[in-house]
C-alpha atoms as a PDB file:
ATOM      1  CA  UNK A   1     -10.920  10.594 -28.880  1.00  0.00           C
ATOM      2  CA  UNK A   2     -12.809   9.064 -25.561  1.00  0.00           C
ATOM      3  CA  UNK A   3     -10.956   7.184 -22.770  1.00  0.00           C
ATOM      4  CA  UNK A   4     -13.655   4.978 -21.929  1.00  0.00           C
ATOM      5  CA  UNK A   5     -14.847   4.366 -25.578  1.00  0.00           C
ATOM      6  CA  UNK A   6     -11.268   3.821 -26.849  1.00  0.00           C
ATOM      7  CA  UNK A   7     -10.528   1.076 -23.637  1.00  0.00           C
ATOM      8  CA  UNK A   8     -13.924  -0.477 -24.436  1.00  0.00           C
ATOM      9  CA  UNK A   9     -12.443  -1.081 -27.763  1.00  0.00           C
ATOM     10  CA  UNK A  10      -9.703  -2.527 -27.219  1.00  0.00           C
ATOM     11  CA  UNK A  11     -10.919  -5.198 -24.572  1.00  0.00           C
ATOM     12  CA  UNK A  12     -13.750  -5.857 -26.605  1.00  0.00           C
ATOM     13  CA  UNK A  13     -11.201  -7.195 -29.031  1.00  0.00           C
ATOM     14  CA  UNK A  14      -9.234  -9.057 -26.359  1.00  0.00           C
ATOM     15  CA  UNK A  15      -7.013  -6.592 -25.292  1.00  0.00           C
ATOM     16  CA  UNK A  16      -4.256  -7.198 -22.701  1.00  0.00           C
ATOM     17  CA  UNK A  17      -2.554  -4.416 -23.134  1.00  0.00           C
ATOM     18  CA  UNK A  18      -3.044  -0.490 -24.665  1.00  0.00           C
ATOM     19  CA  UNK A  19      -0.363   1.527 -25.233  1.00  0.00           C
ATOM     20  CA  UNK A  20      -0.881   5.562 -25.732  1.00  0.00           C
ATOM     21  CA  UNK A  21       1.617   7.597 -27.613  1.00  0.00           C
ATOM     22  CA  UNK A  22       1.760  10.945 -28.895  1.00  0.00           C
ATOM     23  CA  UNK A  23       1.009  11.907 -32.309  1.00  0.00           C
ATOM     24  CA  UNK A  24      -0.103   8.146 -33.210  1.00  0.00           C
ATOM     25  CA  UNK A  25      -3.357   6.471 -32.706  1.00  0.00           C
ATOM     26  CA  UNK A  26      -3.516   3.998 -29.866  1.00  0.00           C
ATOM     27  CA  UNK A  27      -1.734   0.080 -29.820  1.00  0.00           C
ATOM     28  CA  UNK A  28      -3.206  -2.861 -28.222  1.00  0.00           C
ATOM     29  CA  UNK A  29      -2.013  -6.373 -27.865  1.00  0.00           C
ATOM     30  CA  UNK A  30      -4.002  -9.020 -28.062  1.00  0.00           C
ATOM     31  CA  UNK A  31      -2.978 -12.604 -27.873  1.00  0.00           C
ATOM     32  CA  UNK A  32       0.306 -11.736 -27.967  1.00  0.00           C
ATOM     33  CA  UNK A  33       0.124  -9.623 -30.925  1.00  0.00           C
ATOM     34  CA  UNK A  34      -0.245  -6.043 -31.527  1.00  0.00           C
ATOM     35  CA  UNK A  35      -2.188  -3.666 -33.598  1.00  0.00           C
ATOM     36  CA  UNK A  36      -3.293  -0.365 -34.516  1.00  0.00           C
ATOM     37  CA  UNK A  37      -6.614   0.263 -32.706  1.00  0.00           C
ATOM     38  CA  UNK A  38      -8.838   2.895 -34.974  1.00  0.00           C
ATOM     39  CA  UNK A  39      -9.019   6.369 -34.460  1.00  0.00           C
ATOM     40  CA  UNK A  40      -6.970   9.365 -36.271  1.00  0.00           C
ATOM     41  CA  UNK A  41      -3.569  10.102 -35.091  1.00  0.00           C
ATOM     42  CA  UNK A  42      -3.493  14.002 -33.606  1.00  0.00           C
ATOM     43  CA  UNK A  43      -0.370  16.565 -33.263  1.00  0.00           C
ATOM     44  CA  UNK A  44       2.221  15.810 -30.642  1.00  0.00           C
ATOM     45  CA  UNK A  45       1.164  18.353 -28.102  1.00  0.00           C
ATOM     46  CA  UNK A  46      -2.318  17.666 -28.239  1.00  0.00           C
ATOM     47  CA  UNK A  47      -1.942  14.534 -27.469  1.00  0.00           C
ATOM     48  CA  UNK A  48       0.325  14.049 -24.727  1.00  0.00           C
ATOM     49  CA  UNK A  49      -2.015  17.248 -23.145  1.00  0.00           C
ATOM     50  CA  UNK A  50      -4.951  15.092 -23.788  1.00  0.00           C
ATOM     51  CA  UNK A  51      -3.292  12.260 -21.980  1.00  0.00           C
ATOM     52  CA  UNK A  52      -2.215  14.000 -18.854  1.00  0.00           C
ATOM     53  CA  UNK A  53      -5.784  15.257 -18.875  1.00  0.00           C
ATOM     54  CA  UNK A  54      -7.681  12.337 -18.896  1.00  0.00           C
ATOM     55  CA  UNK A  55      -5.151  10.233 -16.993  1.00  0.00           C
ATOM     56  CA  UNK A  56      -4.203  13.023 -13.999  1.00  0.00           C
ATOM     57  CA  UNK A  57      -7.438  12.691 -12.143  1.00  0.00           C
ATOM     58  CA  UNK A  58      -6.623   8.851 -11.504  1.00  0.00           C
ATOM     59  CA  UNK A  59      -3.788   9.993 -10.159  1.00  0.00           C
ATOM     60  CA  UNK A  60      -2.796  10.725  -6.610  1.00  0.00           C
ATOM     61  CA  UNK A  61      -0.862  14.204  -6.377  1.00  0.00           C
ATOM     62  CA  UNK A  62       2.375  13.243  -5.071  1.00  0.00           C
ATOM     63  CA  UNK A  63       2.640  10.763  -8.463  1.00  0.00           C
ATOM     64  CA  UNK A  64       1.533  13.356 -10.695  1.00  0.00           C
ATOM     65  CA  UNK A  65       4.313  15.896  -9.314  1.00  0.00           C
ATOM     66  CA  UNK A  66       6.830  12.650  -9.410  1.00  0.00           C
ATOM     67  CA  UNK A  67       5.771  12.237 -13.164  1.00  0.00           C
ATOM     68  CA  UNK A  68       5.982  15.863 -14.061  1.00  0.00           C
ATOM     69  CA  UNK A  69       9.760  15.908 -12.011  1.00  0.00           C
ATOM     70  CA  UNK A  70      10.483  13.321 -14.999  1.00  0.00           C
ATOM     71  CA  UNK A  71       9.970  10.027 -13.136  1.00  0.00           C
ATOM     72  CA  UNK A  72       7.842   6.980 -14.629  1.00  0.00           C
ATOM     73  CA  UNK A  73       4.828   6.286 -12.337  1.00  0.00           C
ATOM     74  CA  UNK A  74       2.793   3.323 -11.693  1.00  0.00           C
ATOM     75  CA  UNK A  75      -0.976   3.188 -10.793  1.00  0.00           C
ATOM     76  CA  UNK A  76      -4.201   1.796 -10.919  1.00  0.00           C
ATOM     77  CA  UNK A  77      -7.744   2.855 -11.945  1.00  0.00           C
ATOM     78  CA  UNK A  78     -11.061   1.351 -12.807  1.00  0.00           C
ATOM     79  CA  UNK A  79     -14.194   3.076 -14.983  1.00  0.00           C
ATOM     80  CA  UNK A  80     -17.556   1.764 -14.313  1.00  0.00           C
ATOM     81  CA  UNK A  81     -17.946   0.902 -18.509  1.00  0.00           C
ATOM     82  CA  UNK A  82     -14.853  -1.086 -19.030  1.00  0.00           C
ATOM     83  CA  UNK A  83     -13.161  -2.636 -15.649  1.00  0.00           C
ATOM     84  CA  UNK A  84     -10.109  -2.109 -13.714  1.00  0.00           C
ATOM     85  CA  UNK A  85      -6.113  -1.350 -15.513  1.00  0.00           C
ATOM     86  CA  UNK A  86      -2.974  -0.959 -14.103  1.00  0.00           C
ATOM     87  CA  UNK A  87      -0.769   1.846 -15.692  1.00  0.00           C
ATOM     88  CA  UNK A  88       2.117   3.270 -16.159  1.00  0.00           C
ATOM     89  CA  UNK A  89       3.002   6.662 -17.284  1.00  0.00           C
ATOM     90  CA  UNK A  90       6.088   7.552 -18.818  1.00  0.00           C
ATOM     91  CA  UNK A  91       7.934  10.808 -21.225  1.00  0.00           C
ATOM     92  CA  UNK A  92       9.628   9.351 -24.348  1.00  0.00           C
ATOM     93  CA  UNK A  93      11.289  11.668 -27.278  1.00  0.00           C
ATOM     94  CA  UNK A  94       7.551  11.519 -28.928  1.00  0.00           C
ATOM     95  CA  UNK A  95       5.750  13.061 -25.230  1.00  0.00           C
ATOM     96  CA  UNK A  96       3.968  11.258 -23.067  1.00  0.00           C
ATOM     97  CA  UNK A  97       3.207   7.773 -23.151  1.00  0.00           C
ATOM     98  CA  UNK A  98       0.834   5.296 -21.120  1.00  0.00           C
ATOM     99  CA  UNK A  99       0.784   1.557 -21.330  1.00  0.00           C
ATOM    100  CA  UNK A 100      -2.828   0.428 -19.823  1.00  0.00           C
ATOM    101  CA  UNK A 101      -2.881  -3.432 -18.956  1.00  0.00           C
ATOM    102  CA  UNK A 102      -6.497  -4.379 -18.407  1.00  0.00           C
ATOM    103  CA  UNK A 103      -6.953  -6.725 -14.709  1.00  0.00           C
ATOM    104  CA  UNK A 104     -10.167  -9.127 -15.281  1.00  0.00           C
ATOM    105  CA  UNK A 105     -12.572  -8.161 -13.032  1.00  0.00           C
ATOM    106  CA  UNK A 106     -13.625 -11.736 -12.304  1.00  0.00           C
ATOM    107  CA  UNK A 107     -10.436 -13.673 -10.353  1.00  0.00           C
ATOM    108  CA  UNK A 108     -10.415 -16.407 -12.106  1.00  0.00           C
ATOM    109  CA  UNK A 109      -9.830 -19.924  -9.876  1.00  0.00           C
ATOM    110  CA  UNK A 110      -6.632 -22.479  -9.781  1.00  0.00           C
ATOM    111  CA  UNK A 111      -9.021 -24.808 -12.418  1.00  0.00           C
ATOM    112  CA  UNK A 112      -9.952 -22.142 -14.507  1.00  0.00           C
ATOM    113  CA  UNK A 113      -5.813 -20.924 -15.142  1.00  0.00           C
ATOM    114  CA  UNK A 114      -5.134 -24.497 -15.852  1.00  0.00           C
ATOM    115  CA  UNK A 115      -2.569 -24.391 -12.462  1.00  0.00           C
ATOM    116  CA  UNK A 116      -0.511 -27.511 -11.432  1.00  0.00           C
ATOM    117  CA  UNK A 117      -2.210 -30.077  -9.587  1.00  0.00           C
ATOM    118  CA  UNK A 118       0.262 -29.890  -6.559  1.00  0.00           C
ATOM    119  CA  UNK A 119       0.001 -26.124  -5.770  1.00  0.00           C
ATOM    120  CA  UNK A 120      -3.150 -26.501  -3.352  1.00  0.00           C
ATOM    121  CA  UNK A 121      -1.268 -29.382  -1.055  1.00  0.00           C
ATOM    122  CA  UNK A 122       1.703 -26.827  -1.398  1.00  0.00           C
ATOM    123  CA  UNK A 123      -0.244 -23.612  -0.007  1.00  0.00           C
ATOM    124  CA  UNK A 124      -0.827 -25.293   3.089  1.00  0.00           C
ATOM    125  CA  UNK A 125       2.836 -24.764   4.213  1.00  0.00           C
ATOM    126  CA  UNK A 126       4.475 -22.541   5.967  1.00  0.00           C
ATOM    127  CA  UNK A 127       7.475 -20.696   3.382  1.00  0.00           C
ATOM    128  CA  UNK A 128       8.161 -19.402   0.673  1.00  0.00           C
ATOM    129  CA  UNK A 129       6.836 -19.770  -2.623  1.00  0.00           C
ATOM    130  CA  UNK A 130       7.729 -18.360  -6.036  1.00  0.00           C
ATOM    131  CA  UNK A 131       6.108 -17.340  -8.903  1.00  0.00           C
ATOM    132  CA  UNK A 132       7.957 -16.128 -11.456  1.00  0.00           C
ATOM    133  CA  UNK A 133       8.273 -15.561 -15.612  1.00  0.00           C
ATOM    134  CA  UNK A 134       8.726 -13.108 -17.995  1.00  0.00           C
ATOM    135  CA  UNK A 135       6.557  -9.810 -17.978  1.00  0.00           C
ATOM    136  CA  UNK A 136       3.103 -10.455 -19.644  1.00  0.00           C
ATOM    137  CA  UNK A 137       3.469 -14.078 -18.774  1.00  0.00           C
ATOM    138  CA  UNK A 138       0.521 -14.351 -15.894  1.00  0.00           C
ATOM    139  CA  UNK A 139       2.249 -13.526 -12.846  1.00  0.00           C
ATOM    140  CA  UNK A 140      -0.237 -11.494 -11.123  1.00  0.00           C
ATOM    141  CA  UNK A 141      -2.948 -13.805 -12.339  1.00  0.00           C
ATOM    142  CA  UNK A 142      -1.420 -16.876 -10.845  1.00  0.00           C
ATOM    143  CA  UNK A 143      -1.189 -14.949  -7.709  1.00  0.00           C
ATOM    144  CA  UNK A 144      -4.566 -13.994  -7.457  1.00  0.00           C
ATOM    145  CA  UNK A 145      -5.783 -17.274  -8.294  1.00  0.00           C
ATOM    146  CA  UNK A 146      -3.335 -18.416  -4.917  1.00  0.00           C
ATOM    147  CA  UNK A 147      -5.246 -15.757  -3.153  1.00  0.00           C
ATOM    148  CA  UNK A 148      -8.783 -16.385  -4.331  1.00  0.00           C
ATOM    149  CA  UNK A 149      -7.887 -20.170  -3.536  1.00  0.00           C
ATOM    150  CA  UNK A 150      -7.168 -19.695   0.336  1.00  0.00           C
ATOM    151  CA  UNK A 151      -9.633 -17.216   0.910  1.00  0.00           C
ATOM    152  CA  UNK A 152     -12.164 -19.338   0.005  1.00  0.00           C
ATOM    153  CA  UNK A 153     -10.310 -22.131   1.708  1.00  0.00           C
ATOM    154  CA  UNK A 154      -9.165 -21.093   5.056  1.00  0.00           C
ATOM    155  CA  UNK A 155      -9.822 -18.637   7.814  1.00  0.00           C
ATOM    156  CA  UNK A 156      -6.672 -16.382   7.470  1.00  0.00           C
ATOM    157  CA  UNK A 157      -5.288 -13.194   7.348  1.00  0.00           C
ATOM    158  CA  UNK A 158      -4.149 -12.428   4.238  1.00  0.00           C
ATOM    159  CA  UNK A 159      -2.301  -9.077   3.655  1.00  0.00           C
ATOM    160  CA  UNK A 160      -0.969  -8.078  -0.146  1.00  0.00           C
ATOM    161  CA  UNK A 161       2.044  -5.663  -0.761  1.00  0.00           C
ATOM    162  CA  UNK A 162       1.620  -4.259  -4.763  1.00  0.00           C
ATOM    163  CA  UNK A 163       2.584  -1.491  -6.527  1.00  0.00           C
ATOM    164  CA  UNK A 164      -0.025  -0.898  -7.856  1.00  0.00           C
ATOM    165  CA  UNK A 165      -2.969  -2.788  -6.109  1.00  0.00           C
ATOM    166  CA  UNK A 166      -4.053  -4.853  -9.177  1.00  0.00           C
ATOM    167  CA  UNK A 167      -6.849  -7.672  -8.663  1.00  0.00           C
ATOM    168  CA  UNK A 168      -9.514  -6.393  -5.418  1.00  0.00           C
ATOM    169  CA  UNK A 169      -9.785  -9.073  -2.914  1.00  0.00           C
ATOM    170  CA  UNK A 170     -12.803  -9.103  -1.239  1.00  0.00           C
ATOM    171  CA  UNK A 171     -12.951 -10.606   2.336  1.00  0.00           C
ATOM    172  CA  UNK A 172     -14.534 -14.302   2.386  1.00  0.00           C
ATOM    173  CA  UNK A 173     -13.120 -17.110   5.048  1.00  0.00           C
ATOM    174  CA  UNK A 174     -10.553 -14.648   5.164  1.00  0.00           C
ATOM    175  CA  UNK A 175      -9.859 -11.462   6.267  1.00  0.00           C
ATOM    176  CA  UNK A 176      -7.637  -9.591   3.208  1.00  0.00           C
ATOM    177  CA  UNK A 177      -6.005  -6.147   3.807  1.00  0.00           C
ATOM    178  CA  UNK A 178      -4.661  -5.043   0.193  1.00  0.00           C
ATOM    179  CA  UNK A 179      -1.568  -2.224   0.693  1.00  0.00           C
ATOM    180  CA  UNK A 180      -0.144  -0.176  -1.908  1.00  0.00           C
ATOM    181  CA  UNK A 181       3.582   0.521  -2.193  1.00  0.00           C
ATOM    182  CA  UNK A 182       3.801   4.235  -2.925  1.00  0.00           C
ATOM    183  CA  UNK A 183       0.425   5.422  -1.577  1.00  0.00           C
ATOM    184  CA  UNK A 184       0.107   2.956   1.753  1.00  0.00           C
ATOM    185  CA  UNK A 185       3.906   2.558   2.487  1.00  0.00           C
ATOM    186  CA  UNK A 186       7.173   4.188   1.270  1.00  0.00           C
ATOM    187  CA  UNK A 187       9.243   1.060  -0.066  1.00  0.00           C
ATOM    188  CA  UNK A 188       8.025  -3.069  -0.119  1.00  0.00           C
ATOM    189  CA  UNK A 189      10.568  -3.382   2.354  1.00  0.00           C
ATOM    190  CA  UNK A 190       8.774  -0.289   4.875  1.00  0.00           C
ATOM    191  CA  UNK A 191       5.504  -2.311   3.833  1.00  0.00           C
ATOM    192  CA  UNK A 192       6.532  -6.032   4.685  1.00  0.00           C
ATOM    193  CA  UNK A 193       8.826  -4.586   7.739  1.00  0.00           C
ATOM    194  CA  UNK A 194       5.420  -3.651   9.026  1.00  0.00           C
ATOM    195  CA  UNK A 195       2.729  -6.359   7.862  1.00  0.00           C
ATOM    196  CA  UNK A 196       5.264  -8.889  10.271  1.00  0.00           C
ATOM    197  CA  UNK A 197       3.448  -6.614  13.423  1.00  0.00           C
ATOM    198  CA  UNK A 198       0.070  -6.832  11.629  1.00  0.00           C
ATOM    199  CA  UNK A 199      -0.749 -10.610  12.646  1.00  0.00           C
ATOM    200  CA  UNK A 200      -0.557 -11.903   9.051  1.00  0.00           C
ATOM    201  CA  UNK A 201      -0.923 -15.576   8.038  1.00  0.00           C
ATOM    202  CA  UNK A 202      -0.330 -14.851   4.347  1.00  0.00           C
ATOM    203  CA  UNK A 203       1.789 -12.202   3.185  1.00  0.00           C
ATOM    204  CA  UNK A 204       2.029 -10.896  -0.739  1.00  0.00           C
ATOM    205  CA  UNK A 205       5.320  -9.626  -1.729  1.00  0.00           C
ATOM    206  CA  UNK A 206       4.701  -7.746  -5.166  1.00  0.00           C
ATOM    207  CA  UNK A 207       8.029  -8.579  -6.476  1.00  0.00           C
ATOM    208  CA  UNK A 208      11.157  -9.058  -4.653  1.00  0.00           C
ATOM    209  CA  UNK A 209      13.389  -6.069  -6.068  1.00  0.00           C
ATOM    210  CA  UNK A 210      16.166  -5.727  -3.529  1.00  0.00           C
ATOM    211  CA  UNK A 211      18.426  -7.438  -0.280  1.00  0.00           C
ATOM    212  CA  UNK A 212      16.456  -5.932   1.753  1.00  0.00           C
ATOM    213  CA  UNK A 213      12.722  -7.099   0.997  1.00  0.00           C
ATOM    214  CA  UNK A 214      14.396 -10.690   0.134  1.00  0.00           C
ATOM    215  CA  UNK A 215      15.838 -10.339   3.351  1.00  0.00           C
ATOM    216  CA  UNK A 216      12.680  -9.931   4.863  1.00  0.00           C
ATOM    217  CA  UNK A 217      10.744 -12.317   2.916  1.00  0.00           C
ATOM    218  CA  UNK A 218      13.075 -14.400   3.903  1.00  0.00           C
ATOM    219  CA  UNK A 219      12.289 -13.837   7.971  1.00  0.00           C
ATOM    220  CA  UNK A 220       8.782 -14.173   7.311  1.00  0.00           C
ATOM    221  CA  UNK A 221       8.788 -17.505   5.694  1.00  0.00           C
ATOM    222  CA  UNK A 222      11.192 -19.397   8.638  1.00  0.00           C
ATOM    223  CA  UNK A 223       8.633 -17.518  10.779  1.00  0.00           C
ATOM    224  CA  UNK A 224       5.761 -19.555  10.207  1.00  0.00           C
ATOM    225  CA  UNK A 225       4.179 -17.055   7.188  1.00  0.00           C
ATOM    226  CA  UNK A 226       3.513 -18.306   4.188  1.00  0.00           C
ATOM    227  CA  UNK A 227       5.350 -15.302   1.948  1.00  0.00           C
ATOM    228  CA  UNK A 228       4.056 -15.231  -2.266  1.00  0.00           C
ATOM    229  CA  UNK A 229       6.219 -13.585  -4.196  1.00  0.00           C
ATOM    230  CA  UNK A 230       6.821 -13.287  -8.202  1.00  0.00           C
ATOM    231  CA  UNK A 231      10.069 -12.938  -9.903  1.00  0.00           C
ATOM    232  CA  UNK A 232      10.805 -12.022 -13.799  1.00  0.00           C
ATOM    233  CA  UNK A 233      13.242 -14.852 -14.136  1.00  0.00           C
ATOM    234  CA  UNK A 234      12.408 -17.729 -16.609  1.00  0.00           C
ATOM    235  CA  UNK A 235      13.147 -20.870 -14.507  1.00  0.00           C
ATOM    236  CA  UNK A 236      13.348 -22.201 -11.042  1.00  0.00           C
ATOM    237  CA  UNK A 237      17.054 -22.330 -10.956  1.00  0.00           C
ATOM    238  CA  UNK A 238      17.372 -18.953 -12.327  1.00  0.00           C
ATOM    239  CA  UNK A 239      15.044 -17.607  -9.586  1.00  0.00           C
ATOM    240  CA  UNK A 240      17.390 -19.355  -7.082  1.00  0.00           C
ATOM    241  CA  UNK A 241      20.974 -17.847  -8.896  1.00  0.00           C
ATOM    242  CA  UNK A 242      18.662 -13.927  -8.758  1.00  0.00           C
ATOM    243  CA  UNK A 243      18.056 -14.024  -4.992  1.00  0.00           C
ATOM    244  CA  UNK A 244      21.722 -15.487  -4.177  1.00  0.00           C
ATOM    245  CA  UNK A 245      23.014 -12.941  -6.717  1.00  0.00           C
ATOM    246  CA  UNK A 246      21.096  -9.972  -5.040  1.00  0.00           C
ATOM    247  CA  UNK A 247      23.525 -10.053  -1.609  1.00  0.00           C
ATOM    248  CA  UNK A 248      27.573  -9.472  -1.452  1.00  0.00           C
ATOM    249  CA  UNK A 249      29.700 -12.435  -1.285  1.00  0.00           C
ATOM    250  CA  UNK A 250      30.214 -12.891   2.207  1.00  0.00           C
ATOM    251  CA  UNK A 251      26.132 -13.123   2.437  1.00  0.00           C
ATOM    252  CA  UNK A 252      25.818 -15.456  -0.224  1.00  0.00           C
ATOM    253  CA  UNK A 253      26.389 -18.579   1.788  1.00  0.00           C
ATOM    254  CA  UNK A 254      23.805 -17.731   4.748  1.00  0.00           C
ATOM    255  CA  UNK A 255      21.004 -16.517   2.039  1.00  0.00           C
ATOM    256  CA  UNK A 256      21.608 -19.844   0.449  1.00  0.00           C
ATOM    257  CA  UNK A 257      20.926 -21.486   3.643  1.00  0.00           C
ATOM    258  CA  UNK A 258      17.955 -19.853   4.541  1.00  0.00           C
ATOM    259  CA  UNK A 259      16.580 -20.348   1.038  1.00  0.00           C
ATOM    260  CA  UNK A 260      17.407 -24.074   1.426  1.00  0.00           C
ATOM    261  CA  UNK A 261      15.129 -23.502   4.652  1.00  0.00           C
ATOM    262  CA  UNK A 262      12.089 -21.774   3.956  1.00  0.00           C
ATOM    263  CA  UNK A 263      11.407 -22.529   0.127  1.00  0.00           C
ATOM    264  CA  UNK A 264       7.987 -24.247  -0.589  1.00  0.00           C
ATOM    265  CA  UNK A 265       8.517 -24.135  -4.480  1.00  0.00           C
ATOM    266  CA  UNK A 266       9.046 -22.502  -7.555  1.00  0.00           C
ATOM    267  CA  UNK A 267       6.383 -21.979 -10.215  1.00  0.00           C
ATOM    268  CA  UNK A 268       7.647 -20.861 -13.624  1.00  0.00           C
ATOM    269  CA  UNK A 269       4.981 -19.429 -16.077  1.00  0.00           C
ATOM    270  CA  UNK A 270       4.891 -18.418 -19.750  1.00  0.00           C
ATOM    271  CA  UNK A 271       1.764 -17.865 -22.110  1.00  0.00           C
ATOM    272  CA  UNK A 272       1.668 -20.491 -25.298  1.00  0.00           C
ATOM    273  CA  UNK A 273      -1.237 -20.319 -28.306  1.00  0.00           C
ATOM    274  CA  UNK A 274      -2.307 -23.940 -28.780  1.00  0.00           C
ATOM    275  CA  UNK A 275      -3.826 -23.302 -31.901  1.00  0.00           C
ATOM    276  CA  UNK A 276      -3.133 -19.764 -33.815  1.00  0.00           C
ATOM    277  CA  UNK A 277      -6.465 -17.598 -33.593  1.00  0.00           C
ATOM    278  CA  UNK A 278      -6.935 -19.425 -29.811  1.00  0.00           C
ATOM    279  CA  UNK A 279      -6.611 -17.848 -26.835  1.00  0.00           C
ATOM    280  CA  UNK A 280      -3.297 -17.755 -24.846  1.00  0.00           C
ATOM    281  CA  UNK A 281      -2.845 -20.523 -22.071  1.00  0.00           C
ATOM    282  CA  UNK A 282      -0.499 -20.484 -19.404  1.00  0.00           C
ATOM    283  CA  UNK A 283       2.159 -23.342 -19.022  1.00  0.00           C
ATOM    284  CA  UNK A 284       4.544 -24.251 -15.634  1.00  0.00           C
ATOM    285  CA  UNK A 285       7.466 -24.993 -14.819  1.00  0.00           C
ATOM    286  CA  UNK A 286       6.758 -26.791 -11.116  1.00  0.00           C
ATOM    287  CA  UNK A 287       9.633 -26.955  -8.840  1.00  0.00           C
ATOM    288  CA  UNK A 288       9.061 -28.602  -5.665  1.00  0.00           C
ATOM    289  CA  UNK A 289      11.455 -27.978  -2.572  1.00  0.00           C
ATOM    290  CA  UNK A 290      12.030 -32.045  -1.706  1.00  0.00           C
ATOM    291  CA  UNK A 291      15.444 -32.507   0.376  1.00  0.00           C
ATOM    292  CA  UNK A 292      17.573 -33.340  -2.729  1.00  0.00           C
ATOM    293  CA  UNK A 293      16.357 -29.973  -3.923  1.00  0.00           C
ATOM    294  CA  UNK A 294      16.989 -28.419  -0.692  1.00  0.00           C
ATOM    295  CA  UNK A 295      20.181 -30.137  -0.750  1.00  0.00           C
ATOM    296  CA  UNK A 296      21.793 -28.275  -4.571  1.00  0.00           C
ATOM    297  CA  UNK A 297      20.230 -25.129  -3.248  1.00  0.00           C
ATOM    298  CA  UNK A 298      22.139 -25.133  -0.317  1.00  0.00           C
ATOM    299  CA  UNK A 299      25.400 -26.731  -1.994  1.00  0.00           C
ATOM    300  CA  UNK A 300      25.039 -23.954  -4.801  1.00  0.00           C
ATOM    301  CA  UNK A 301      24.188 -26.558  -7.447  1.00  0.00           C
ATOM    302  CA  UNK A 302      21.780 -25.222  -9.074  1.00  0.00           C
ATOM    303  CA  UNK A 303      22.615 -26.180 -12.240  1.00  0.00           C
ATOM    304  CA  UNK A 304      21.586 -29.687 -11.044  1.00  0.00           C
ATOM    305  CA  UNK A 305      18.140 -28.369 -10.165  1.00  0.00           C
ATOM    306  CA  UNK A 306      16.492 -28.868 -13.814  1.00  0.00           C
ATOM    307  CA  UNK A 307      17.590 -32.621 -13.998  1.00  0.00           C
ATOM    308  CA  UNK A 308      15.998 -33.289 -10.603  1.00  0.00           C
ATOM    309  CA  UNK A 309      13.030 -31.505 -11.724  1.00  0.00           C
ATOM    310  CA  UNK A 310      13.123 -33.837 -14.522  1.00  0.00           C
ATOM    311  CA  UNK A 311      12.711 -36.830 -12.543  1.00  0.00           C
ATOM    312  CA  UNK A 312      10.545 -35.382  -9.738  1.00  0.00           C
ATOM    313  CA  UNK A 313       6.996 -36.172 -11.352  1.00  0.00           C
ATOM    314  CA  UNK A 314       6.466 -38.611  -8.090  1.00  0.00           C
ATOM    315  CA  UNK A 315       6.586 -35.120  -6.090  1.00  0.00           C
ATOM    316  CA  UNK A 316       4.230 -33.038  -8.905  1.00  0.00           C
ATOM    317  CA  UNK A 317       7.278 -30.993 -10.144  1.00  0.00           C
ATOM    318  CA  UNK A 318       7.560 -31.050 -14.633  1.00  0.00           C
ATOM    319  CA  UNK A 319      10.148 -28.816 -16.583  1.00  0.00           C
ATOM    320  CA  UNK A 320       8.806 -26.593 -19.076  1.00  0.00           C
ATOM    321  CA  UNK A 321       9.121 -28.821 -21.568  1.00  0.00           C
ATOM    322  CA  UNK A 322       7.610 -31.793 -19.822  1.00  0.00           C
ATOM    323  CA  UNK A 323       4.345 -29.208 -19.683  1.00  0.00           C
ATOM    324  CA  UNK A 324       4.512 -28.260 -22.925  1.00  0.00           C
ATOM    325  CA  UNK A 325       4.478 -31.612 -24.244  1.00  0.00           C
ATOM    326  CA  UNK A 326       1.754 -32.866 -21.724  1.00  0.00           C
ATOM    327  CA  UNK A 327      -0.481 -29.553 -22.718  1.00  0.00           C
ATOM    328  CA  UNK A 328      -3.598 -29.512 -24.615  1.00  0.00           C
ATOM    329  CA  UNK A 329      -3.519 -29.042 -28.399  1.00  0.00           C
END
């Protein structure tokens, strides 16, 4: 098998993810459904060897060494014929495996992803803005569209901290600096701490993974920066709980206070298919940090956030159920 031939076949069939499993033909996911690509399965040892052989040239030596030591590794690469991919390589019972996520070459704008109409106004403020949702729900695409919007409409310094770098942003009205964790910095927290000394206006944190990163993100948001970040949570209320629960009991009250003061809003998204066979679309729950929402966060009353969102249409808020009800059929 030729890697580019397999990737090209998958992308031409609308695939978002391509799976390579030792001893099997490649699989792909399009519009949320898995299917097997053409190509004969090869023996387990040959498959593992082939996969490592074709992917190794795209991996940093340090990543390749970590993989050989038994670690899963993430990286990205681009081919001349097919485009850019985010890759996770791992070992399994059957040998080496990999999942490649296709990254769109052209970054969509907010209109093309059907982003909430209130979003451009939220981005005019300093503070913390969260994009959340399960894996594969389009969070990276939404954040890329947000950066693209800022790059076209403002004059700022945009710093992205990613693992790995996915969409490539070219400086337009903004200066864009993209850094990859593992290659350009040891961790999100190290990169975020350094970013505060790099004259940023906007900082994108690929994922809020630990208490130190969250603490630094809140500090950056409090000190006049727009901080964009993602979380693997399914709702605004769950996002608040996830951030607070990362900290020990003594710190929770302080974090709730910081969050209530610095949060701009939360957009939680999922993908749905209007009609069988049609392309998947994103639906968004939107929470805007109004005084009432800030009070609920500060007092730890996250169970009441859903009701506040449900009645907050005047501020541009909507629950996921309201978003699905208003979505085009």
